[in-house]
């Protein structure tokens, strides 16, 4: 069977939808007009994934303002302040969560996370969420004296959110953990004890159904912590091939590897033959049998047309890879 292809996060909105949302914010367009366009583009994205052979379907999170907002709004003890921070080294921003009390799961509305009505009947819906460590690192803590307590409470609350989403039929959860590999925003780089805290938080989130989870890293080199990630009780581990020192990877694994083999921050559309050849070399190097082809992170950083072409390139590369076996 050809390697699976998956969306790795938020898909970009069209220029028309971007303009409509801006017009709505200026009170020049009704929300019903915006909603019609959201629904149309979500349906088009679902159709595109099906046509390209995706086995796990995402709604593209077109309605998400940023990667953290739905989680922030579902947690007690967390407020959404007015401060916006840069999303790593991209030209996008996120609303920084402010921790003001003990964190727990609050009222969870699945519609804040995904378009359940548009995914009804899909065999294997997928959703992408920030991992507990990354959420903690990108938040401002005004309550907890001990960081381990903060991280533990986030993990427990996120597990409750996932339980609720599972009832809506979601069968694959991607936990995005860029902060495990990208940390120039910190004065002090993480030490081994902090890595263990982060990994234990992930274990806490996934413990009910570990086979439903992907842990995706991006914007940094996964090599230093790759062996530890392989020990996690999850289905798949994701690697940003544009940032990782691939030559230093040597661990063999029976886990599925999600190869971030198209660049979400670059408008150049990768050649399918190059994608397939890159994947083949890595699979031989690590003796990996199960692969998923994906972008290294959310494709929202490029125009929608470019993002769709990148998905088409991944699909073609998957076919080429299978033909070369």
C-alpha atoms as a PDB file:
ATOM      1  CA  UNK A   1       0.000   0.000   0.000  1.00  0.00           C
ATOM      2  CA  UNK A   2       1.249   3.498  -0.861  1.00  0.00           C
ATOM      3  CA  UNK A   3       2.343   5.755   2.017  1.00  0.00           C
ATOM      4  CA  UNK A   4      -0.570   7.667   3.460  1.00  0.00           C
ATOM      5  CA  UNK A   5      -0.837  11.438   2.955  1.00  0.00           C
ATOM      6  CA  UNK A   6      -2.121  13.684   5.730  1.00  0.00           C
ATOM      7  CA  UNK A   7      -2.834  17.310   6.441  1.00  0.00           C
ATOM      8  CA  UNK A   8      -0.496  18.444   9.212  1.00  0.00           C
ATOM      9  CA  UNK A   9      -2.490  21.368  10.563  1.00  0.00           C
ATOM     10  CA  UNK A  10      -4.388  24.485   9.520  1.00  0.00           C
ATOM     11  CA  UNK A  11      -5.004  24.850   5.791  1.00  0.00           C
ATOM     12  CA  UNK A  12      -4.969  28.350   4.243  1.00  0.00           C
ATOM     13  CA  UNK A  13      -8.122  30.299   3.474  1.00  0.00           C
ATOM     14  CA  UNK A  14      -8.736  31.622  -0.025  1.00  0.00           C
ATOM     15  CA  UNK A  15      -8.261  35.301  -0.790  1.00  0.00           C
ATOM     16  CA  UNK A  16     -12.031  35.586  -1.068  1.00  0.00           C
ATOM     17  CA  UNK A  17     -12.559  34.171   2.420  1.00  0.00           C
ATOM     18  CA  UNK A  18      -9.812  36.348   3.878  1.00  0.00           C
ATOM     19  CA  UNK A  19     -11.448  39.432   2.405  1.00  0.00           C
ATOM     20  CA  UNK A  20     -14.880  38.377   3.663  1.00  0.00           C
ATOM     21  CA  UNK A  21     -13.627  37.903   7.223  1.00  0.00           C
ATOM     22  CA  UNK A  22     -11.931  41.303   7.123  1.00  0.00           C
ATOM     23  CA  UNK A  23     -15.113  42.860   5.804  1.00  0.00           C
ATOM     24  CA  UNK A  24     -17.078  41.187   8.609  1.00  0.00           C
ATOM     25  CA  UNK A  25     -14.680  42.608  11.209  1.00  0.00           C
ATOM     26  CA  UNK A  26     -15.347  46.073   9.743  1.00  0.00           C
ATOM     27  CA  UNK A  27     -19.105  45.400  10.035  1.00  0.00           C
ATOM     28  CA  UNK A  28     -19.523  45.544   6.250  1.00  0.00           C
ATOM     29  CA  UNK A  29     -20.439  41.879   5.749  1.00  0.00           C
ATOM     30  CA  UNK A  30     -22.864  39.626   7.608  1.00  0.00           C
ATOM     31  CA  UNK A  31     -21.592  36.506   9.354  1.00  0.00           C
ATOM     32  CA  UNK A  32     -23.950  34.393   7.231  1.00  0.00           C
ATOM     33  CA  UNK A  33     -21.991  35.378   4.119  1.00  0.00           C
ATOM     34  CA  UNK A  34     -18.722  34.435   5.788  1.00  0.00           C
ATOM     35  CA  UNK A  35     -20.183  31.146   7.006  1.00  0.00           C
ATOM     36  CA  UNK A  36     -21.323  30.184   3.494  1.00  0.00           C
ATOM     37  CA  UNK A  37     -17.759  30.639   2.229  1.00  0.00           C
ATOM     38  CA  UNK A  38     -16.276  28.708   5.166  1.00  0.00           C
ATOM     39  CA  UNK A  39     -18.593  25.806   4.439  1.00  0.00           C
ATOM     40  CA  UNK A  40     -17.864  25.848   0.708  1.00  0.00           C
ATOM     41  CA  UNK A  41     -14.097  25.848   1.180  1.00  0.00           C
ATOM     42  CA  UNK A  42     -14.229  23.128   3.816  1.00  0.00           C
ATOM     43  CA  UNK A  43     -16.270  20.923   1.483  1.00  0.00           C
ATOM     44  CA  UNK A  44     -13.792  21.599  -1.339  1.00  0.00           C
ATOM     45  CA  UNK A  45     -10.865  20.640   0.895  1.00  0.00           C
ATOM     46  CA  UNK A  46     -12.546  17.431   2.015  1.00  0.00           C
ATOM     47  CA  UNK A  47     -13.262  16.588  -1.624  1.00  0.00           C
ATOM     48  CA  UNK A  48      -9.638  17.292  -2.573  1.00  0.00           C
ATOM     49  CA  UNK A  49      -8.326  14.988   0.137  1.00  0.00           C
ATOM     50  CA  UNK A  50     -10.609  12.189  -1.005  1.00  0.00           C
ATOM     51  CA  UNK A  51      -9.570  12.622  -4.627  1.00  0.00           C
ATOM     52  CA  UNK A  52      -5.891  12.410  -3.611  1.00  0.00           C
ATOM     53  CA  UNK A  53      -6.377   9.202  -1.641  1.00  0.00           C
ATOM     54  CA  UNK A  54      -6.212  10.519   1.922  1.00  0.00           C
ATOM     55  CA  UNK A  55      -7.263   7.892   4.456  1.00  0.00           C
ATOM     56  CA  UNK A  56      -7.666  10.328   7.373  1.00  0.00           C
ATOM     57  CA  UNK A  57      -9.721  13.384   6.482  1.00  0.00           C
ATOM     58  CA  UNK A  58      -9.293  16.808   8.107  1.00  0.00           C
ATOM     59  CA  UNK A  59     -11.582  19.813   7.812  1.00  0.00           C
ATOM     60  CA  UNK A  60      -8.485  22.018   7.569  1.00  0.00           C
ATOM     61  CA  UNK A  61      -9.398  24.068  10.672  1.00  0.00           C
ATOM     62  CA  UNK A  62     -10.243  26.987   8.381  1.00  0.00           C
ATOM     63  CA  UNK A  63     -12.164  28.705  11.164  1.00  0.00           C
ATOM     64  CA  UNK A  64      -9.294  28.682  13.660  1.00  0.00           C
ATOM     65  CA  UNK A  65      -7.806  32.127  14.284  1.00  0.00           C
ATOM     66  CA  UNK A  66      -4.574  30.505  15.484  1.00  0.00           C
ATOM     67  CA  UNK A  67      -3.251  27.131  16.594  1.00  0.00           C
ATOM     68  CA  UNK A  68      -3.925  27.637  20.327  1.00  0.00           C
ATOM     69  CA  UNK A  69      -7.242  29.506  20.448  1.00  0.00           C
ATOM     70  CA  UNK A  70      -9.739  26.590  20.559  1.00  0.00           C
ATOM     71  CA  UNK A  71      -7.834  24.912  23.407  1.00  0.00           C
ATOM     72  CA  UNK A  72      -7.499  28.218  25.282  1.00  0.00           C
ATOM     73  CA  UNK A  73     -11.242  28.826  25.126  1.00  0.00           C
ATOM     74  CA  UNK A  74     -12.015  25.337  26.435  1.00  0.00           C
ATOM     75  CA  UNK A  75      -9.919  25.589  29.601  1.00  0.00           C
ATOM     76  CA  UNK A  76     -10.858  26.918  33.008  1.00  0.00           C
ATOM     77  CA  UNK A  77      -8.055  28.987  34.527  1.00  0.00           C
ATOM     78  CA  UNK A  78      -6.975  30.386  31.156  1.00  0.00           C
ATOM     79  CA  UNK A  79      -7.823  33.772  29.679  1.00  0.00           C
ATOM     80  CA  UNK A  80      -7.195  35.071  26.184  1.00  0.00           C
ATOM     81  CA  UNK A  81      -5.480  38.407  26.662  1.00  0.00           C
ATOM     82  CA  UNK A  82      -4.936  41.167  24.141  1.00  0.00           C
ATOM     83  CA  UNK A  83      -1.277  40.347  23.630  1.00  0.00           C
ATOM     84  CA  UNK A  84      -0.286  38.808  20.298  1.00  0.00           C
ATOM     85  CA  UNK A  85       3.026  36.993  19.867  1.00  0.00           C
ATOM     86  CA  UNK A  86       4.840  35.837  16.755  1.00  0.00           C
ATOM     87  CA  UNK A  87       4.284  32.181  15.842  1.00  0.00           C
ATOM     88  CA  UNK A  88       7.893  31.010  15.870  1.00  0.00           C
ATOM     89  CA  UNK A  89       9.798  32.533  12.925  1.00  0.00           C
ATOM     90  CA  UNK A  90       6.780  32.982  10.656  1.00  0.00           C
ATOM     91  CA  UNK A  91       4.923  36.155   9.714  1.00  0.00           C
ATOM     92  CA  UNK A  92       1.820  35.065  11.632  1.00  0.00           C
ATOM     93  CA  UNK A  93       0.768  35.698  15.220  1.00  0.00           C
ATOM     94  CA  UNK A  94      -1.216  33.985  17.957  1.00  0.00           C
ATOM     95  CA  UNK A  95      -3.181  35.269  20.929  1.00  0.00           C
ATOM     96  CA  UNK A  96      -1.074  34.362  23.960  1.00  0.00           C
ATOM     97  CA  UNK A  97      -3.021  32.374  26.590  1.00  0.00           C
ATOM     98  CA  UNK A  98      -2.799  33.800  30.124  1.00  0.00           C
ATOM     99  CA  UNK A  99      -2.890  31.255  32.959  1.00  0.00           C
ATOM    100  CA  UNK A 100      -4.724  32.925  35.856  1.00  0.00           C
ATOM    101  CA  UNK A 101      -5.897  29.925  37.902  1.00  0.00           C
ATOM    102  CA  UNK A 102      -5.797  26.154  38.204  1.00  0.00           C
ATOM    103  CA  UNK A 103      -6.293  24.675  34.747  1.00  0.00           C
ATOM    104  CA  UNK A 104      -9.043  22.164  34.056  1.00  0.00           C
ATOM    105  CA  UNK A 105     -11.325  21.303  31.164  1.00  0.00           C
ATOM    106  CA  UNK A 106     -14.273  23.662  30.961  1.00  0.00           C
ATOM    107  CA  UNK A 107     -17.293  23.570  28.718  1.00  0.00           C
ATOM    108  CA  UNK A 108     -16.172  21.831  25.541  1.00  0.00           C
ATOM    109  CA  UNK A 109     -17.986  22.690  22.326  1.00  0.00           C
ATOM    110  CA  UNK A 110     -16.808  20.363  19.525  1.00  0.00           C
ATOM    111  CA  UNK A 111     -17.842  23.012  16.984  1.00  0.00           C
ATOM    112  CA  UNK A 112     -14.996  25.201  18.281  1.00  0.00           C
ATOM    113  CA  UNK A 113     -12.592  22.523  17.035  1.00  0.00           C
ATOM    114  CA  UNK A 114     -14.021  21.023  13.859  1.00  0.00           C
ATOM    115  CA  UNK A 115     -16.916  21.104  11.425  1.00  0.00           C
ATOM    116  CA  UNK A 116     -18.578  17.950  12.668  1.00  0.00           C
ATOM    117  CA  UNK A 117     -21.540  18.297  10.309  1.00  0.00           C
ATOM    118  CA  UNK A 118     -19.201  18.369   7.293  1.00  0.00           C
ATOM    119  CA  UNK A 119     -17.234  15.329   8.449  1.00  0.00           C
ATOM    120  CA  UNK A 120     -20.279  13.166   9.174  1.00  0.00           C
ATOM    121  CA  UNK A 121     -19.843   9.811   7.509  1.00  0.00           C
ATOM    122  CA  UNK A 122     -16.077  10.134   7.066  1.00  0.00           C
ATOM    123  CA  UNK A 123     -14.338   6.924   8.138  1.00  0.00           C
ATOM    124  CA  UNK A 124     -11.333   8.433   9.889  1.00  0.00           C
ATOM    125  CA  UNK A 125     -11.478  12.142  10.727  1.00  0.00           C
ATOM    126  CA  UNK A 126      -8.233  13.739  11.902  1.00  0.00           C
ATOM    127  CA  UNK A 127      -7.674  16.813  14.057  1.00  0.00           C
ATOM    128  CA  UNK A 128      -4.482  18.688  14.942  1.00  0.00           C
ATOM    129  CA  UNK A 129      -4.037  20.091  18.453  1.00  0.00           C
ATOM    130  CA  UNK A 130      -1.132  21.763  20.257  1.00  0.00           C
ATOM    131  CA  UNK A 131       0.687  19.306  22.491  1.00  0.00           C
ATOM    132  CA  UNK A 132       0.677  20.020  26.237  1.00  0.00           C
ATOM    133  CA  UNK A 133       4.338  21.062  26.364  1.00  0.00           C
ATOM    134  CA  UNK A 134       4.039  23.517  23.477  1.00  0.00           C
ATOM    135  CA  UNK A 135       0.834  24.991  24.919  1.00  0.00           C
ATOM    136  CA  UNK A 136       2.554  25.525  28.267  1.00  0.00           C
ATOM    137  CA  UNK A 137       5.635  27.083  26.683  1.00  0.00           C
ATOM    138  CA  UNK A 138       3.644  29.541  24.583  1.00  0.00           C
ATOM    139  CA  UNK A 139       1.406  30.634  27.475  1.00  0.00           C
ATOM    140  CA  UNK A 140       2.032  33.267  30.135  1.00  0.00           C
ATOM    141  CA  UNK A 141       1.816  31.732  33.603  1.00  0.00           C
ATOM    142  CA  UNK A 142       0.506  34.004  36.352  1.00  0.00           C
ATOM    143  CA  UNK A 143      -0.683  31.282  38.716  1.00  0.00           C
ATOM    144  CA  UNK A 144       1.528  28.208  39.091  1.00  0.00           C
ATOM    145  CA  UNK A 145       4.624  28.299  41.268  1.00  0.00           C
ATOM    146  CA  UNK A 146       5.847  24.949  39.955  1.00  0.00           C
ATOM    147  CA  UNK A 147       6.093  24.350  36.219  1.00  0.00           C
ATOM    148  CA  UNK A 148       5.512  20.563  36.510  1.00  0.00           C
ATOM    149  CA  UNK A 149       2.101  21.259  38.078  1.00  0.00           C
ATOM    150  CA  UNK A 150       1.165  23.552  35.188  1.00  0.00           C
ATOM    151  CA  UNK A 151       2.217  20.997  32.592  1.00  0.00           C
ATOM    152  CA  UNK A 152       0.429  18.142  34.354  1.00  0.00           C
ATOM    153  CA  UNK A 153      -2.859  20.058  34.598  1.00  0.00           C
ATOM    154  CA  UNK A 154      -2.707  21.041  30.927  1.00  0.00           C
ATOM    155  CA  UNK A 155      -2.193  17.398  29.952  1.00  0.00           C
ATOM    156  CA  UNK A 156      -5.114  16.194  32.085  1.00  0.00           C
ATOM    157  CA  UNK A 157      -7.409  18.896  30.682  1.00  0.00           C
ATOM    158  CA  UNK A 158      -6.370  18.172  27.111  1.00  0.00           C
ATOM    159  CA  UNK A 159      -7.116  14.494  27.640  1.00  0.00           C
ATOM    160  CA  UNK A 160     -10.668  15.467  28.629  1.00  0.00           C
ATOM    161  CA  UNK A 161     -11.043  17.619  25.510  1.00  0.00           C
ATOM    162  CA  UNK A 162      -9.867  14.724  23.353  1.00  0.00           C
ATOM    163  CA  UNK A 163     -12.359  12.365  25.014  1.00  0.00           C
ATOM    164  CA  UNK A 164     -15.120  14.751  23.977  1.00  0.00           C
ATOM    165  CA  UNK A 165     -13.842  15.011  20.409  1.00  0.00           C
ATOM    166  CA  UNK A 166     -13.549  11.237  20.192  1.00  0.00           C
ATOM    167  CA  UNK A 167     -17.303  11.049  20.777  1.00  0.00           C
ATOM    168  CA  UNK A 168     -17.712  13.151  17.611  1.00  0.00           C
ATOM    169  CA  UNK A 169     -15.980  10.446  15.614  1.00  0.00           C
ATOM    170  CA  UNK A 170     -12.404  11.796  15.498  1.00  0.00           C
ATOM    171  CA  UNK A 171     -10.077   8.804  15.211  1.00  0.00           C
ATOM    172  CA  UNK A 172      -6.641  10.397  14.731  1.00  0.00           C
ATOM    173  CA  UNK A 173      -5.197  13.158  16.900  1.00  0.00           C
ATOM    174  CA  UNK A 174      -2.019  15.003  15.982  1.00  0.00           C
ATOM    175  CA  UNK A 175      -0.252  16.592  18.954  1.00  0.00           C
ATOM    176  CA  UNK A 176       2.008  19.298  17.550  1.00  0.00           C
ATOM    177  CA  UNK A 177       5.104  19.813  19.705  1.00  0.00           C
ATOM    178  CA  UNK A 178       7.389  22.286  17.923  1.00  0.00           C
ATOM    179  CA  UNK A 179       8.703  23.567  21.271  1.00  0.00           C
ATOM    180  CA  UNK A 180      10.457  20.245  21.799  1.00  0.00           C
ATOM    181  CA  UNK A 181      12.809  21.072  18.937  1.00  0.00           C
ATOM    182  CA  UNK A 182      12.621  24.865  18.464  1.00  0.00           C
ATOM    183  CA  UNK A 183      13.484  27.087  21.396  1.00  0.00           C
ATOM    184  CA  UNK A 184      15.344  30.277  20.379  1.00  0.00           C
ATOM    185  CA  UNK A 185      12.559  32.152  22.192  1.00  0.00           C
ATOM    186  CA  UNK A 186      14.048  30.985  25.519  1.00  0.00           C
ATOM    187  CA  UNK A 187      17.097  32.332  27.288  1.00  0.00           C
ATOM    188  CA  UNK A 188      17.964  28.861  28.581  1.00  0.00           C
ATOM    189  CA  UNK A 189      17.630  25.777  26.429  1.00  0.00           C
ATOM    190  CA  UNK A 190      15.625  22.893  27.878  1.00  0.00           C
ATOM    191  CA  UNK A 191      17.502  20.327  29.959  1.00  0.00           C
ATOM    192  CA  UNK A 192      16.968  16.565  30.180  1.00  0.00           C
ATOM    193  CA  UNK A 193      14.642  16.813  33.160  1.00  0.00           C
ATOM    194  CA  UNK A 194      12.388  19.196  31.239  1.00  0.00           C
ATOM    195  CA  UNK A 195      12.359  16.870  28.245  1.00  0.00           C
ATOM    196  CA  UNK A 196      11.182  14.069  30.524  1.00  0.00           C
ATOM    197  CA  UNK A 197       8.454  16.308  31.949  1.00  0.00           C
ATOM    198  CA  UNK A 198       7.312  17.094  28.400  1.00  0.00           C
ATOM    199  CA  UNK A 199       7.283  13.439  27.369  1.00  0.00           C
ATOM    200  CA  UNK A 200       5.424  12.428  30.534  1.00  0.00           C
ATOM    201  CA  UNK A 201       2.792  15.067  29.760  1.00  0.00           C
ATOM    202  CA  UNK A 202       2.336  13.549  26.299  1.00  0.00           C
ATOM    203  CA  UNK A 203       2.031  10.094  27.881  1.00  0.00           C
ATOM    204  CA  UNK A 204      -0.685  11.469  30.149  1.00  0.00           C
ATOM    205  CA  UNK A 205      -2.649  12.814  27.163  1.00  0.00           C
ATOM    206  CA  UNK A 206      -2.464   9.637  25.088  1.00  0.00           C
ATOM    207  CA  UNK A 207      -2.755   6.952  27.755  1.00  0.00           C
ATOM    208  CA  UNK A 208      -6.393   6.041  27.017  1.00  0.00           C
ATOM    209  CA  UNK A 209      -5.904   5.280  23.297  1.00  0.00           C
ATOM    210  CA  UNK A 210      -2.214   5.593  22.314  1.00  0.00           C
ATOM    211  CA  UNK A 211      -2.745   4.182  18.807  1.00  0.00           C
ATOM    212  CA  UNK A 212      -4.854   7.215  17.926  1.00  0.00           C
ATOM    213  CA  UNK A 213      -1.994   9.706  18.281  1.00  0.00           C
ATOM    214  CA  UNK A 214       0.690  11.321  16.160  1.00  0.00           C
ATOM    215  CA  UNK A 215       3.351  13.473  17.839  1.00  0.00           C
ATOM    216  CA  UNK A 216       4.539  15.977  15.258  1.00  0.00           C
ATOM    217  CA  UNK A 217       7.700  18.073  15.645  1.00  0.00           C
ATOM    218  CA  UNK A 218       8.662  20.936  13.350  1.00  0.00           C
ATOM    219  CA  UNK A 219      10.773  24.097  12.946  1.00  0.00           C
ATOM    220  CA  UNK A 220      13.733  22.329  14.576  1.00  0.00           C
ATOM    221  CA  UNK A 221      16.075  19.333  14.519  1.00  0.00           C
ATOM    222  CA  UNK A 222      14.444  16.245  16.028  1.00  0.00           C
ATOM    223  CA  UNK A 223      17.691  14.225  16.072  1.00  0.00           C
ATOM    224  CA  UNK A 224      18.738  15.013  19.691  1.00  0.00           C
ATOM    225  CA  UNK A 225      15.473  13.658  21.137  1.00  0.00           C
ATOM    226  CA  UNK A 226      14.487  11.193  18.411  1.00  0.00           C
ATOM    227  CA  UNK A 227      15.252   8.040  20.471  1.00  0.00           C
ATOM    228  CA  UNK A 228      13.116   9.352  23.343  1.00  0.00           C
ATOM    229  CA  UNK A 229      10.228  10.145  21.009  1.00  0.00           C
ATOM    230  CA  UNK A 230      10.344   6.617  19.619  1.00  0.00           C
ATOM    231  CA  UNK A 231       9.768   5.318  23.149  1.00  0.00           C
ATOM    232  CA  UNK A 232       6.454   7.169  23.413  1.00  0.00           C
ATOM    233  CA  UNK A 233       3.367   4.926  23.331  1.00  0.00           C
ATOM    234  CA  UNK A 234       1.928   6.544  20.198  1.00  0.00           C
ATOM    235  CA  UNK A 235       1.152   5.497  16.655  1.00  0.00           C
ATOM    236  CA  UNK A 236       3.444   7.897  14.775  1.00  0.00           C
ATOM    237  CA  UNK A 237       6.287  10.381  15.175  1.00  0.00           C
ATOM    238  CA  UNK A 238       6.622  13.376  12.842  1.00  0.00           C
ATOM    239  CA  UNK A 239       9.889  14.820  11.566  1.00  0.00           C
ATOM    240  CA  UNK A 240      10.576  18.145   9.874  1.00  0.00           C
ATOM    241  CA  UNK A 241      12.974  17.022   7.146  1.00  0.00           C
ATOM    242  CA  UNK A 242      13.904  20.629   6.320  1.00  0.00           C
ATOM    243  CA  UNK A 243      15.299  21.242   9.803  1.00  0.00           C
ATOM    244  CA  UNK A 244      16.489  17.813  10.917  1.00  0.00           C
ATOM    245  CA  UNK A 245      20.030  16.515  10.536  1.00  0.00           C
ATOM    246  CA  UNK A 246      18.825  13.346   8.842  1.00  0.00           C
ATOM    247  CA  UNK A 247      22.319  11.852   8.581  1.00  0.00           C
ATOM    248  CA  UNK A 248      22.474  11.594  12.383  1.00  0.00           C
ATOM    249  CA  UNK A 249      19.317   9.470  12.594  1.00  0.00           C
ATOM    250  CA  UNK A 250      20.114   5.782  12.986  1.00  0.00           C
ATOM    251  CA  UNK A 251      17.415   4.292  15.220  1.00  0.00           C
ATOM    252  CA  UNK A 252      15.279   1.608  13.655  1.00  0.00           C
ATOM    253  CA  UNK A 253      11.629   1.544  14.634  1.00  0.00           C
ATOM    254  CA  UNK A 254       8.384  -0.270  13.972  1.00  0.00           C
ATOM    255  CA  UNK A 255       6.506   3.009  14.457  1.00  0.00           C
ATOM    256  CA  UNK A 256       5.092   4.953  11.571  1.00  0.00           C
ATOM    257  CA  UNK A 257       7.161   8.016  10.689  1.00  0.00           C
ATOM    258  CA  UNK A 258       5.372  11.115   9.418  1.00  0.00           C
ATOM    259  CA  UNK A 259       7.793  12.777   7.028  1.00  0.00           C
ATOM    260  CA  UNK A 260       7.439  16.554   6.842  1.00  0.00           C
ATOM    261  CA  UNK A 261       8.744  16.516   3.298  1.00  0.00           C
ATOM    262  CA  UNK A 262       7.089  19.616   1.844  1.00  0.00           C
ATOM    263  CA  UNK A 263       7.927  22.982   3.380  1.00  0.00           C
ATOM    264  CA  UNK A 264       4.979  24.926   4.771  1.00  0.00           C
ATOM    265  CA  UNK A 265       6.967  28.186   4.822  1.00  0.00           C
ATOM    266  CA  UNK A 266       8.075  28.071   1.194  1.00  0.00           C
ATOM    267  CA  UNK A 267       5.902  28.765  -1.863  1.00  0.00           C
ATOM    268  CA  UNK A 268       8.045  26.558  -4.095  1.00  0.00           C
ATOM    269  CA  UNK A 269       6.127  23.351  -4.840  1.00  0.00           C
ATOM    270  CA  UNK A 270       8.381  20.358  -4.283  1.00  0.00           C
ATOM    271  CA  UNK A 271       8.912  17.893  -7.121  1.00  0.00           C
ATOM    272  CA  UNK A 272       7.123  14.556  -6.511  1.00  0.00           C
ATOM    273  CA  UNK A 273      10.163  12.611  -7.735  1.00  0.00           C
ATOM    274  CA  UNK A 274      12.372  14.421  -5.219  1.00  0.00           C
ATOM    275  CA  UNK A 275       9.852  13.751  -2.424  1.00  0.00           C
ATOM    276  CA  UNK A 276       9.682  10.048  -3.279  1.00  0.00           C
ATOM    277  CA  UNK A 277      13.472   9.714  -3.536  1.00  0.00           C
ATOM    278  CA  UNK A 278      14.014  11.545  -0.229  1.00  0.00           C
ATOM    279  CA  UNK A 279      11.514   9.262   1.495  1.00  0.00           C
ATOM    280  CA  UNK A 280      13.076   6.152  -0.057  1.00  0.00           C
ATOM    281  CA  UNK A 281      16.568   7.068   1.174  1.00  0.00           C
ATOM    282  CA  UNK A 282      15.337   7.721   4.710  1.00  0.00           C
ATOM    283  CA  UNK A 283      13.271   4.527   4.827  1.00  0.00           C
ATOM    284  CA  UNK A 284      16.338   2.522   3.790  1.00  0.00           C
ATOM    285  CA  UNK A 285      18.544   4.350   6.294  1.00  0.00           C
ATOM    286  CA  UNK A 286      16.204   3.629   9.214  1.00  0.00           C
ATOM    287  CA  UNK A 287      14.668   0.407   7.880  1.00  0.00           C
ATOM    288  CA  UNK A 288      11.205   1.905   8.361  1.00  0.00           C
ATOM    289  CA  UNK A 289       8.267   0.117   6.774  1.00  0.00           C
ATOM    290  CA  UNK A 290       5.417   2.518   7.517  1.00  0.00           C
ATOM    291  CA  UNK A 291       5.532   6.103   6.280  1.00  0.00           C
ATOM    292  CA  UNK A 292       3.171   9.050   6.045  1.00  0.00           C
ATOM    293  CA  UNK A 293       3.890  11.952   3.676  1.00  0.00           C
ATOM    294  CA  UNK A 294       2.921  15.409   4.933  1.00  0.00           C
ATOM    295  CA  UNK A 295       3.965  19.026   5.106  1.00  0.00           C
ATOM    296  CA  UNK A 296       6.345  19.826   7.943  1.00  0.00           C
ATOM    297  CA  UNK A 297       3.705  22.017   9.645  1.00  0.00           C
ATOM    298  CA  UNK A 298       0.498  23.970   8.956  1.00  0.00           C
ATOM    299  CA  UNK A 299       0.203  24.962   5.298  1.00  0.00           C
ATOM    300  CA  UNK A 300      -1.571  28.184   6.325  1.00  0.00           C
ATOM    301  CA  UNK A 301       1.669  30.108   5.700  1.00  0.00           C
ATOM    302  CA  UNK A 302       1.352  29.819   1.901  1.00  0.00           C
ATOM    303  CA  UNK A 303      -1.517  30.762  -0.467  1.00  0.00           C
ATOM    304  CA  UNK A 304      -4.320  28.233  -0.781  1.00  0.00           C
ATOM    305  CA  UNK A 305      -3.497  27.405  -4.407  1.00  0.00           C
ATOM    306  CA  UNK A 306       0.124  26.635  -3.515  1.00  0.00           C
ATOM    307  CA  UNK A 307      -0.972  24.552  -0.525  1.00  0.00           C
ATOM    308  CA  UNK A 308      -3.262  22.465  -2.738  1.00  0.00           C
ATOM    309  CA  UNK A 309      -0.454  21.912  -5.238  1.00  0.00           C
ATOM    310  CA  UNK A 310       1.780  20.697  -2.411  1.00  0.00           C
ATOM    311  CA  UNK A 311      -0.879  18.165  -1.422  1.00  0.00           C
ATOM    312  CA  UNK A 312      -1.081  16.998  -5.032  1.00  0.00           C
ATOM    313  CA  UNK A 313       2.717  16.630  -5.085  1.00  0.00           C
ATOM    314  CA  UNK A 314       2.566  14.491  -1.937  1.00  0.00           C
ATOM    315  CA  UNK A 315      -0.086  12.265  -3.500  1.00  0.00           C
ATOM    316  CA  UNK A 316       1.936  11.789  -6.685  1.00  0.00           C
ATOM    317  CA  UNK A 317       5.084  11.119  -4.645  1.00  0.00           C
ATOM    318  CA  UNK A 318       3.281   8.442  -2.644  1.00  0.00           C
ATOM    319  CA  UNK A 319       2.384   6.635  -5.862  1.00  0.00           C
ATOM    320  CA  UNK A 320       5.949   6.932  -7.158  1.00  0.00           C
ATOM    321  CA  UNK A 321       7.355   5.631  -3.882  1.00  0.00           C
ATOM    322  CA  UNK A 322       5.082   2.592  -3.954  1.00  0.00           C
ATOM    323  CA  UNK A 323       5.922   1.870  -7.593  1.00  0.00           C
ATOM    324  CA  UNK A 324       9.646   1.836  -6.773  1.00  0.00           C
ATOM    325  CA  UNK A 325       9.376  -0.764  -4.006  1.00  0.00           C
END
